[in-house]
Amino acid sequence: MAGCTTFTACMVIVNVVAPRDSMGAVNGVGQTIAAFVRAAGPAMAGVLWSASLGLAWGGHEFLPFSAAAVAALVTQVLYLCINNDVVA
């Protein structure tokens, strides 16, 4: 459910910020990136999980979740950097 909500919110932001004359190209690139992330995400999470099992320090099982939290934080910072006049 969160994935659907997040994807929809990202596409709404892209549509609001993109100029009207290049809307098709922007949506195409956005859909391509979204498809790549949906395909590569599980594989990258598996790689992180496997790497975390080889670590000797405690709390290693939180590595994939920490990476996801950092990615979410970076996305939030990028969103806040969008010009408020364009989004509002």
C-alpha atoms as a PDB file:
ATOM      1  CA  MET A   1       0.000   0.000   0.000  1.00  0.00           C
ATOM      2  CA  ALA A   2       2.817   2.398   0.839  1.00  0.00           C
ATOM      3  CA  GLY A   3       4.470   1.662  -2.501  1.00  0.00           C
ATOM      4  CA  CYS A   4       1.343   2.646  -4.420  1.00  0.00           C
ATOM      5  CA  THR A   5       0.925   5.813  -2.393  1.00  0.00           C
ATOM      6  CA  THR A   6       4.578   6.772  -2.778  1.00  0.00           C
ATOM      7  CA  PHE A   7       4.626   6.092  -6.514  1.00  0.00           C
ATOM      8  CA  THR A   8       1.457   8.126  -7.038  1.00  0.00           C
ATOM      9  CA  ALA A   9       2.816  11.020  -4.973  1.00  0.00           C
ATOM     10  CA  CYS A  10       6.056  11.043  -6.972  1.00  0.00           C
ATOM     11  CA  MET A  11       4.198  11.106 -10.276  1.00  0.00           C
ATOM     12  CA  VAL A  12       1.968  13.953  -9.074  1.00  0.00           C
ATOM     13  CA  ILE A  13       5.041  15.979  -8.096  1.00  0.00           C
ATOM     14  CA  VAL A  14       6.662  15.272 -11.469  1.00  0.00           C
ATOM     15  CA  ASN A  15       3.509  16.347 -13.315  1.00  0.00           C
ATOM     16  CA  VAL A  16       3.210  19.563 -11.324  1.00  0.00           C
ATOM     17  CA  VAL A  17       6.840  20.570 -11.786  1.00  0.00           C
ATOM     18  CA  ALA A  18       7.293  19.551 -15.445  1.00  0.00           C
ATOM     19  CA  PRO A  19       6.691  22.110 -18.188  1.00  0.00           C
ATOM     20  CA  ARG A  20       3.599  21.385 -20.300  1.00  0.00           C
ATOM     21  CA  ASP A  21       5.501  21.167 -23.585  1.00  0.00           C
ATOM     22  CA  SER A  22       7.735  18.337 -22.345  1.00  0.00           C
ATOM     23  CA  MET A  23       5.201  16.451 -20.211  1.00  0.00           C
ATOM     24  CA  GLY A  24       5.338  13.292 -22.350  1.00  0.00           C
ATOM     25  CA  ALA A  25       9.121  13.022 -22.205  1.00  0.00           C
ATOM     26  CA  VAL A  26       9.190  13.722 -18.472  1.00  0.00           C
ATOM     27  CA  ASN A  27       6.527  11.099 -17.770  1.00  0.00           C
ATOM     28  CA  GLY A  28       8.374   8.585 -19.958  1.00  0.00           C
ATOM     29  CA  VAL A  29      11.642   9.108 -18.113  1.00  0.00           C
ATOM     30  CA  GLY A  30       9.818   8.980 -14.768  1.00  0.00           C
ATOM     31  CA  GLN A  31       8.116   5.703 -15.645  1.00  0.00           C
ATOM     32  CA  THR A  32      11.411   4.230 -16.868  1.00  0.00           C
ATOM     33  CA  ILE A  33      13.222   5.144 -13.663  1.00  0.00           C
ATOM     34  CA  ALA A  34      10.341   3.823 -11.556  1.00  0.00           C
ATOM     35  CA  ALA A  35      10.378   0.498 -13.420  1.00  0.00           C
ATOM     36  CA  PHE A  36      14.147   0.202 -12.970  1.00  0.00           C
ATOM     37  CA  VAL A  37      13.890   0.896  -9.241  1.00  0.00           C
ATOM     38  CA  ARG A  38      11.077  -1.643  -8.832  1.00  0.00           C
ATOM     39  CA  ALA A  39      13.198  -4.235 -10.648  1.00  0.00           C
ATOM     40  CA  ALA A  40      16.545  -3.454  -8.987  1.00  0.00           C
ATOM     41  CA  GLY A  41      15.207  -2.743  -5.473  1.00  0.00           C
ATOM     42  CA  PRO A  42      14.646  -6.334  -4.344  1.00  0.00           C
ATOM     43  CA  ALA A  43      17.992  -7.416  -5.784  1.00  0.00           C
ATOM     44  CA  MET A  44      19.822  -4.603  -4.005  1.00  0.00           C
ATOM     45  CA  ALA A  45      18.040  -5.400  -0.748  1.00  0.00           C
ATOM     46  CA  GLY A  46      19.105  -9.031  -1.123  1.00  0.00           C
ATOM     47  CA  VAL A  47      22.711  -7.985  -1.714  1.00  0.00           C
ATOM     48  CA  LEU A  48      22.633  -5.745   1.352  1.00  0.00           C
ATOM     49  CA  TRP A  49      21.088  -8.504   3.447  1.00  0.00           C
ATOM     50  CA  SER A  50      23.726 -11.004   2.319  1.00  0.00           C
ATOM     51  CA  ALA A  51      26.483  -8.506   3.021  1.00  0.00           C
ATOM     52  CA  SER A  52      25.083  -7.789   6.467  1.00  0.00           C
ATOM     53  CA  LEU A  53      25.179 -11.492   7.377  1.00  0.00           C
ATOM     54  CA  GLY A  54      28.935 -11.499   6.861  1.00  0.00           C
ATOM     55  CA  LEU A  55      29.555  -8.600   9.237  1.00  0.00           C
ATOM     56  CA  ALA A  56      30.927  -9.423  12.673  1.00  0.00           C
ATOM     57  CA  TRP A  57      29.406  -6.515  14.609  1.00  0.00           C
ATOM     58  CA  GLY A  58      26.038  -6.624  16.348  1.00  0.00           C
ATOM     59  CA  GLY A  59      23.011  -5.081  14.742  1.00  0.00           C
ATOM     60  CA  HIS A  60      24.089  -6.099  11.259  1.00  0.00           C
ATOM     61  CA  GLU A  61      20.559  -7.148  10.373  1.00  0.00           C
ATOM     62  CA  PHE A  62      19.523  -3.486  10.349  1.00  0.00           C
ATOM     63  CA  LEU A  63      21.812  -2.608   7.404  1.00  0.00           C
ATOM     64  CA  PRO A  64      19.185  -3.012   4.627  1.00  0.00           C
ATOM     65  CA  PHE A  65      16.597  -1.117   6.639  1.00  0.00           C
ATOM     66  CA  SER A  66      19.069   1.650   7.425  1.00  0.00           C
ATOM     67  CA  ALA A  67      19.853   1.960   3.706  1.00  0.00           C
ATOM     68  CA  ALA A  68      16.128   2.268   2.959  1.00  0.00           C
ATOM     69  CA  ALA A  69      15.777   4.930   5.660  1.00  0.00           C
ATOM     70  CA  VAL A  70      18.685   6.913   4.203  1.00  0.00           C
ATOM     71  CA  ALA A  71      17.140   6.689   0.730  1.00  0.00           C
ATOM     72  CA  ALA A  72      13.823   7.964   2.115  1.00  0.00           C
ATOM     73  CA  LEU A  73      15.595  10.828   3.897  1.00  0.00           C
ATOM     74  CA  VAL A  74      17.454  11.838   0.728  1.00  0.00           C
ATOM     75  CA  THR A  75      14.168  11.771  -1.190  1.00  0.00           C
ATOM     76  CA  GLN A  76      12.533  13.992   1.438  1.00  0.00           C
ATOM     77  CA  VAL A  77      15.389  16.499   1.282  1.00  0.00           C
ATOM     78  CA  LEU A  78      15.160  16.601  -2.522  1.00  0.00           C
ATOM     79  CA  TYR A  79      11.415  17.172  -2.282  1.00  0.00           C
ATOM     80  CA  LEU A  80      11.920  20.053   0.140  1.00  0.00           C
ATOM     81  CA  CYS A  81      14.407  21.624  -2.279  1.00  0.00           C
ATOM     82  CA  ILE A  82      11.741  21.959  -4.986  1.00  0.00           C
ATOM     83  CA  ASN A  83      10.699  25.566  -5.440  1.00  0.00           C
ATOM     84  CA  ASN A  84       7.532  26.064  -3.384  1.00  0.00           C
ATOM     85  CA  ASP A  85       6.118  28.502  -5.938  1.00  0.00           C
ATOM     86  CA  VAL A  86       6.097  25.768  -8.572  1.00  0.00           C
ATOM     87  CA  VAL A  87       4.517  23.095  -6.370  1.00  0.00           C
ATOM     88  CA  ALA A  88       1.908  25.275  -4.657  1.00  0.00           C
END
